[in-house]
C-alpha atoms as a PDB file:
ATOM      1  CA  MET A   1       0.030   0.002   0.171  1.00  0.00           C
ATOM      2  CA  THR A   2       1.251   3.245  -0.723  1.00  0.00           C
ATOM      3  CA  ASP A   3       1.497   6.054   2.011  1.00  0.00           C
ATOM      4  CA  LYS A   4       0.306   9.303   1.574  1.00  0.00           C
ATOM      5  CA  ASP A   5       2.668  11.849   0.109  1.00  0.00           C
ATOM      6  CA  VAL A   6       3.390  14.134   3.074  1.00  0.00           C
ATOM      7  CA  SER A   7       4.925  16.625   0.536  1.00  0.00           C
ATOM      8  CA  THR A   8       1.809  17.379  -1.239  1.00  0.00           C
ATOM      9  CA  GLY A   9      -0.956  16.062   1.067  1.00  0.00           C
ATOM     10  CA  PHE A  10      -2.370  13.736  -1.752  1.00  0.00           C
ATOM     11  CA  PRO A  11      -4.326  11.732  -2.002  1.00  0.00           C
ATOM     12  CA  LYS A  12      -6.953  13.579   0.286  1.00  0.00           C
ATOM     13  CA  TRP A  13     -10.853  14.069   0.273  1.00  0.00           C
ATOM     14  CA  LYS A  14     -12.293  17.128  -1.419  1.00  0.00           C
ATOM     15  CA  TYR A  15     -15.775  18.160  -0.367  1.00  0.00           C
ATOM     16  CA  PRO A  16     -18.181  20.302  -2.848  1.00  0.00           C
ATOM     17  CA  ALA A  17     -19.717  23.737  -1.430  1.00  0.00           C
ATOM     18  CA  ASP A  18     -23.233  22.164  -2.040  1.00  0.00           C
ATOM     19  CA  GLY A  19     -22.910  19.850   0.991  1.00  0.00           C
ATOM     20  CA  THR A  20     -23.223  16.471  -1.041  1.00  0.00           C
ATOM     21  CA  ALA A  21     -20.463  13.658  -0.804  1.00  0.00           C
ATOM     22  CA  GLY A  22     -16.853  14.417  -1.488  1.00  0.00           C
ATOM     23  CA  LYS A  23     -14.585  12.473  -3.514  1.00  0.00           C
ATOM     24  CA  ILE A  24     -10.855  11.303  -3.412  1.00  0.00           C
ATOM     25  CA  VAL A  25      -8.362  13.303  -5.556  1.00  0.00           C
ATOM     26  CA  SER A  26      -4.907  11.809  -6.052  1.00  0.00           C
ATOM     27  CA  SER A  27      -2.903  14.867  -7.541  1.00  0.00           C
ATOM     28  CA  ALA A  28      -2.783  18.626  -7.877  1.00  0.00           C
ATOM     29  CA  GLU A  29      -4.238  18.176 -11.298  1.00  0.00           C
ATOM     30  CA  GLU A  30      -7.242  16.154 -10.204  1.00  0.00           C
ATOM     31  CA  GLU A  31      -7.808  18.894  -7.583  1.00  0.00           C
ATOM     32  CA  ALA A  32      -7.411  21.638 -10.113  1.00  0.00           C
ATOM     33  CA  ALA A  33      -9.843  19.929 -12.474  1.00  0.00           C
ATOM     34  CA  LEU A  34     -12.667  20.012  -9.782  1.00  0.00           C
ATOM     35  CA  GLY A  35     -12.870  23.729 -10.358  1.00  0.00           C
ATOM     36  CA  GLU A  36     -14.115  26.473  -7.738  1.00  0.00           C
ATOM     37  CA  GLY A  37     -16.198  25.466  -4.845  1.00  0.00           C
ATOM     38  CA  TRP A  38     -14.393  22.438  -3.436  1.00  0.00           C
ATOM     39  CA  SER A  39     -12.955  22.553   0.079  1.00  0.00           C
ATOM     40  CA  ASP A  40     -10.734  20.305   2.435  1.00  0.00           C
ATOM     41  CA  THR A  41     -13.466  20.252   5.020  1.00  0.00           C
ATOM     42  CA  PRO A  42     -17.015  18.998   4.692  1.00  0.00           C
ATOM     43  CA  ILE A  43     -20.003  21.543   4.381  1.00  0.00           C
ATOM     44  CA  ALA A  44     -23.143  20.665   6.495  1.00  0.00           C
ATOM     45  CA  PRO A  45     -26.217  21.251   4.372  1.00  0.00           C
ATOM     46  CA  SER A  46     -29.067  23.056   6.016  1.00  0.00           C
ATOM     47  CA  ARG A  47     -31.145  19.882   6.992  1.00  0.00           C
ATOM     48  CA  ASN A  48     -28.618  18.798   9.504  1.00  0.00           C
ATOM     49  CA  ASP A  49     -31.034  17.277  11.980  1.00  0.00           C
ATOM     50  CA  GLN A  50     -32.491  14.425   9.981  1.00  0.00           C
ATOM     51  CA  VAL A  51     -30.984  10.874   9.777  1.00  0.00           C
ATOM     52  CA  LEU A  52     -28.648  10.726   6.853  1.00  0.00           C
ATOM     53  CA  THR A  53     -28.361   7.441   5.049  1.00  0.00           C
ATOM     54  CA  VAL A  54     -25.053   6.881   2.939  1.00  0.00           C
ATOM     55  CA  ILE A  55     -24.710   4.457  -0.003  1.00  0.00           C
ATOM     56  CA  ALA A  56     -21.061   3.958  -0.906  1.00  0.00           C
ATOM     57  CA  HIS A  57     -20.164   1.803  -3.965  1.00  0.00           C
ATOM     58  CA  LEU A  58     -16.593   0.686  -4.181  1.00  0.00           C
ATOM     59  CA  VAL A  59     -14.984  -1.572  -6.888  1.00  0.00           C
ATOM     60  CA  ALA A  60     -11.978  -3.452  -5.993  1.00  0.00           C
ATOM     61  CA  ARG A  61      -9.129  -4.095  -8.391  1.00  0.00           C
ATOM     62  CA  PRO A  62      -9.622  -7.856  -9.604  1.00  0.00           C
ATOM     63  CA  ASP A  63      -6.323  -8.902  -8.198  1.00  0.00           C
ATOM     64  CA  LYS A  64      -7.003  -7.238  -4.840  1.00  0.00           C
ATOM     65  CA  ILE A  65     -10.542  -8.558  -3.929  1.00  0.00           C
ATOM     66  CA  GLU A  66      -9.359 -10.321  -0.781  1.00  0.00           C
ATOM     67  CA  GLU A  67      -7.220  -7.288   0.456  1.00  0.00           C
ATOM     68  CA  THR A  68      -9.928  -5.099  -0.184  1.00  0.00           C
ATOM     69  CA  LYS A  69     -12.421  -6.858   1.717  1.00  0.00           C
ATOM     70  CA  LYS A  70     -10.097  -7.412   4.826  1.00  0.00           C
ATOM     71  CA  PHE A  71      -9.510  -3.580   4.739  1.00  0.00           C
ATOM     72  CA  LEU A  72     -13.265  -2.830   4.475  1.00  0.00           C
ATOM     73  CA  LEU A  73     -14.170  -5.068   7.158  1.00  0.00           C
ATOM     74  CA  ALA A  74     -11.738  -3.556   9.474  1.00  0.00           C
ATOM     75  CA  LEU A  75     -13.523  -0.033   8.685  1.00  0.00           C
ATOM     76  CA  VAL A  76     -16.807  -1.622   9.878  1.00  0.00           C
ATOM     77  CA  GLU A  77     -15.503  -2.782  13.297  1.00  0.00           C
ATOM     78  CA  ARG A  78     -14.174   0.773  13.905  1.00  0.00           C
ATOM     79  CA  THR A  79     -17.121   2.746  12.556  1.00  0.00           C
ATOM     80  CA  ARG A  80     -19.747   0.759  14.338  1.00  0.00           C
ATOM     81  CA  ARG A  81     -18.192   1.952  17.864  1.00  0.00           C
ATOM     82  CA  GLU A  82     -18.721   5.732  16.728  1.00  0.00           C
ATOM     83  CA  LYS A  83     -21.521   6.951  18.899  1.00  0.00           C
ATOM     84  CA  ASP A  84     -23.767   8.492  16.082  1.00  0.00           C
ATOM     85  CA  CYS A  85     -23.456   5.645  13.823  1.00  0.00           C
ATOM     86  CA  LEU A  86     -26.727   3.789  13.625  1.00  0.00           C
ATOM     87  CA  ASP A  87     -25.821   1.104  10.843  1.00  0.00           C
ATOM     88  CA  TYR A  88     -22.786   0.432   9.226  1.00  0.00           C
ATOM     89  CA  ASN A  89     -23.124  -2.583   6.939  1.00  0.00           C
ATOM     90  CA  LEU A  90     -20.758  -3.854   4.122  1.00  0.00           C
ATOM     91  CA  HIS A  91     -22.151  -5.796   1.290  1.00  0.00           C
ATOM     92  CA  GLN A  92     -20.443  -7.793  -1.623  1.00  0.00           C
ATOM     93  CA  ASP A  93     -22.203  -8.322  -4.854  1.00  0.00           C
ATOM     94  CA  ASN A  94     -22.835 -12.026  -5.506  1.00  0.00           C
ATOM     95  CA  ASP A  95     -22.361 -11.863  -9.160  1.00  0.00           C
ATOM     96  CA  ARG A  96     -19.528  -9.225  -9.292  1.00  0.00           C
ATOM     97  CA  PRO A  97     -17.127  -9.801  -6.286  1.00  0.00           C
ATOM     98  CA  THR A  98     -14.960  -6.911  -7.217  1.00  0.00           C
ATOM     99  CA  GLU A  99     -17.998  -4.576  -6.055  1.00  0.00           C
ATOM    100  CA  PHE A 100     -18.780  -3.629  -2.486  1.00  0.00           C
ATOM    101  CA  THR A 101     -21.386  -1.455  -0.918  1.00  0.00           C
ATOM    102  CA  PHE A 102     -21.803   0.271   2.225  1.00  0.00           C
ATOM    103  CA  TYR A 103     -25.166   0.883   3.708  1.00  0.00           C
ATOM    104  CA  GLU A 104     -24.821   3.434   6.340  1.00  0.00           C
ATOM    105  CA  ASN A 105     -27.074   5.303   8.734  1.00  0.00           C
ATOM    106  CA  TRP A 106     -25.978   8.416  10.897  1.00  0.00           C
ATOM    107  CA  VAL A 107     -28.099  10.304  13.258  1.00  0.00           C
ATOM    108  CA  ASN A 108     -27.546  13.346  10.984  1.00  0.00           C
ATOM    109  CA  ARG A 109     -25.215  14.778   8.577  1.00  0.00           C
ATOM    110  CA  ALA A 110     -22.862  16.263  10.901  1.00  0.00           C
ATOM    111  CA  ALA A 111     -22.163  13.033  12.504  1.00  0.00           C
ATOM    112  CA  TRP A 112     -21.190  11.640   9.060  1.00  0.00           C
ATOM    113  CA  ASP A 113     -18.844  14.591   8.393  1.00  0.00           C
ATOM    114  CA  ILE A 114     -17.172  13.660  11.705  1.00  0.00           C
ATOM    115  CA  HIS A 115     -16.771  10.162  10.428  1.00  0.00           C
ATOM    116  CA  MET A 116     -15.170  11.416   7.418  1.00  0.00           C
ATOM    117  CA  THR A 117     -12.393  12.950   9.389  1.00  0.00           C
ATOM    118  CA  ARG A 118     -11.454   9.881  11.277  1.00  0.00           C
ATOM    119  CA  PRO A 119      -7.775   8.422  10.689  1.00  0.00           C
ATOM    120  CA  TYR A 120      -9.132   5.094   9.508  1.00  0.00           C
ATOM    121  CA  ILE A 121     -11.325   6.729   6.921  1.00  0.00           C
ATOM    122  CA  LYS A 122      -8.481   8.891   5.676  1.00  0.00           C
ATOM    123  CA  ASP A 123      -6.587   5.577   5.476  1.00  0.00           C
ATOM    124  CA  LEU A 124      -9.249   4.718   2.846  1.00  0.00           C
ATOM    125  CA  ALA A 125      -8.183   7.657   0.677  1.00  0.00           C
ATOM    126  CA  ARG A 126      -4.464   6.700   0.853  1.00  0.00           C
ATOM    127  CA  THR A 127      -4.998   2.921   0.131  1.00  0.00           C
ATOM    128  CA  SER A 128      -7.657   3.564  -2.701  1.00  0.00           C
ATOM    129  CA  LYS A 129      -5.198   3.914  -5.574  1.00  0.00           C
ATOM    130  CA  ASP A 130      -3.813   0.480  -4.685  1.00  0.00           C
ATOM    131  CA  ILE A 131      -6.944  -1.367  -4.031  1.00  0.00           C
ATOM    132  CA  LEU A 132      -9.711   0.201  -5.738  1.00  0.00           C
ATOM    133  CA  ALA A 133     -10.385   0.119  -9.504  1.00  0.00           C
ATOM    134  CA  VAL A 134     -12.170   3.545  -9.483  1.00  0.00           C
ATOM    135  CA  ASN A 135     -13.125   6.126  -7.056  1.00  0.00           C
ATOM    136  CA  PRO A 136     -15.750   5.275  -4.415  1.00  0.00           C
ATOM    137  CA  HIS A 137     -19.382   6.385  -5.753  1.00  0.00           C
ATOM    138  CA  ILE A 138     -20.842   7.954  -2.560  1.00  0.00           C
ATOM    139  CA  ARG A 139     -24.532   9.030  -2.344  1.00  0.00           C
ATOM    140  CA  LEU A 140     -26.140  10.958   0.675  1.00  0.00           C
ATOM    141  CA  THR A 141     -29.839  10.171   0.930  1.00  0.00           C
ATOM    142  CA  THR A 142     -32.789  11.196   3.181  1.00  0.00           C
ATOM    143  CA  LYS A 143     -35.549   8.822   3.988  1.00  0.00           C
ATOM    144  CA  LEU A 144     -38.929  10.019   2.580  1.00  0.00           C
ATOM    145  CA  SER A 145     -41.258   7.458   3.645  1.00  0.00           C
END
């Protein structure tokens, strides 16, 4: 696994100004391509008091399935200990074993924002280039019924 490049600070999470989910950038070029309105810290939306459901889809490199699974399962153990985590479940696709999905529920958006600053989540940014085929796809949702 590649360590974070301390001299440049990459890879790292970047967050859009509209309060939606962030993404991992691996270089200054990727960061510049995001354009204006992206920050190093999450920006909480106005509806901060509602339960937040997060669906995160990750795709492992074909030769890194077991390593990815082990890494992600370690995230589950740590995350479930966070006081504002309601659910944190990891799924693996039955037909496409390279695909993993987290289904998460947090007491509110602020709780998830704090989760995203945890060292073990930052480790995901550092290791993603080595174990994942593409950047994680993260969807933030609010239950309607």
